[in-house]
Amino acid sequence: ARETLLEFPCVFPLKVIGRNVSEFEAEVFTIVQKHVPEATREHITRRPSAGNKYLALTVTFVADSQGQLDELYLELNRHELVLLTL
């Protein structure tokens, strides 16, 4: 297993940046819910970029394991609307 600085379970703020198109938030939420079934839309904060071209979403949830986070990042990063995850 890989070394991790996080202790699980922990509250984890996941940042996802993508194009500010209507389906971006819905697609991200669908992927998050697959890995974090208890996540709700109330856990999402949104910040559009200055030019409104991009949207930064922060989804805060309780992460159970490094594996859960790795799988979530992998799936998000494979999505064509996602530009960056932090």
Protein backbone atom coordinates (compact mmCIF):
# COMPACT_ATOMS: atom_id res chain seq x y z
CA ALA A 1 0.00 0.00 0.00
CA ARG A 2 1.08 3.52 -0.72
CA GLU A 3 2.02 5.91 2.08
CA THR A 4 -0.65 8.49 2.76
CA LEU A 5 -0.65 11.60 4.93
CA LEU A 6 -4.40 11.33 5.44
CA GLU A 7 -6.01 9.44 8.28
CA PHE A 8 -9.26 7.79 7.32
CA PRO A 9 -12.10 8.44 7.62
CA CYS A 10 -11.55 12.16 7.08
CA VAL A 11 -13.41 15.16 5.72
CA PHE A 12 -12.03 15.69 2.23
CA PRO A 13 -12.53 18.75 -0.01
CA LEU A 14 -12.29 17.57 -3.63
CA LYS A 15 -11.81 20.32 -6.21
CA VAL A 16 -12.86 19.70 -9.79
CA ILE A 17 -12.35 22.28 -12.53
CA GLY A 18 -13.99 22.07 -15.92
CA ARG A 19 -15.75 23.96 -18.66
CA ASN A 20 -18.72 25.98 -17.47
CA VAL A 21 -21.32 24.01 -19.41
CA SER A 22 -24.68 22.94 -18.04
CA GLU A 23 -23.87 19.23 -17.82
CA PHE A 24 -20.49 19.62 -16.07
CA GLU A 25 -21.82 19.79 -12.51
CA ALA A 26 -24.31 16.97 -13.10
CA GLU A 27 -21.63 14.70 -14.60
CA VAL A 28 -19.20 15.38 -11.75
CA PHE A 29 -21.92 14.75 -9.17
CA THR A 30 -22.89 11.45 -10.80
CA ILE A 31 -19.27 10.24 -10.64
CA VAL A 32 -18.83 11.44 -7.04
CA GLN A 33 -22.03 9.68 -5.95
CA LYS A 34 -20.80 6.41 -7.44
CA HIS A 35 -17.81 6.49 -5.09
CA VAL A 36 -19.43 8.44 -2.22
CA PRO A 37 -23.10 7.36 -2.09
CA GLU A 38 -23.87 9.67 0.83
CA ALA A 39 -22.79 12.82 -1.05
CA THR A 40 -25.56 15.30 -1.78
CA ARG A 41 -25.71 18.47 -3.88
CA GLU A 42 -25.55 20.46 -0.63
CA HIS A 43 -21.93 19.27 -0.36
CA ILE A 44 -20.99 21.18 -3.53
CA THR A 45 -19.77 24.77 -3.69
CA ARG A 46 -19.32 26.35 -7.11
CA ARG A 47 -17.10 29.17 -8.31
CA PRO A 48 -17.11 30.35 -11.92
CA SER A 49 -13.90 31.76 -13.37
CA ALA A 50 -13.57 35.48 -14.01
CA GLY A 51 -14.58 35.09 -17.64
CA ASN A 52 -17.25 32.53 -16.74
CA LYS A 53 -15.63 30.05 -19.15
CA TYR A 54 -14.68 27.57 -16.42
CA LEU A 55 -16.33 26.33 -13.26
CA ALA A 56 -14.59 25.16 -10.10
CA LEU A 57 -16.59 22.76 -7.97
CA THR A 58 -15.58 21.78 -4.46
CA VAL A 59 -17.27 18.66 -3.15
CA THR A 60 -16.69 18.09 0.55
CA PHE A 61 -17.33 14.59 1.85
CA VAL A 62 -16.06 12.02 4.32
CA ALA A 63 -13.45 9.87 2.57
CA ASP A 64 -13.15 6.29 3.77
CA SER A 65 -9.87 5.23 2.17
CA GLN A 66 -7.04 6.18 -0.15
CA GLY A 67 -8.34 3.60 -2.61
CA GLN A 68 -11.71 5.35 -2.71
CA LEU A 69 -10.02 8.67 -3.49
CA ASP A 70 -7.72 7.11 -6.12
CA GLU A 71 -10.67 5.55 -7.96
CA LEU A 72 -12.66 8.78 -7.76
CA TYR A 73 -9.76 10.86 -9.15
CA LEU A 74 -9.13 8.31 -11.91
CA GLU A 75 -12.74 8.36 -13.09
CA LEU A 76 -13.03 12.15 -12.88
CA ASN A 77 -9.77 12.69 -14.77
CA ARG A 78 -10.96 10.39 -17.56
CA HIS A 79 -14.08 12.50 -18.14
CA GLU A 80 -13.88 14.84 -21.15
CA LEU A 81 -15.46 17.80 -19.31
CA VAL A 82 -12.98 17.66 -16.42
CA LEU A 83 -9.83 19.72 -16.93
CA LEU A 84 -8.22 19.43 -13.50
CA THR A 85 -8.76 17.77 -10.13
CA LEU A 86 -7.08 18.86 -6.91
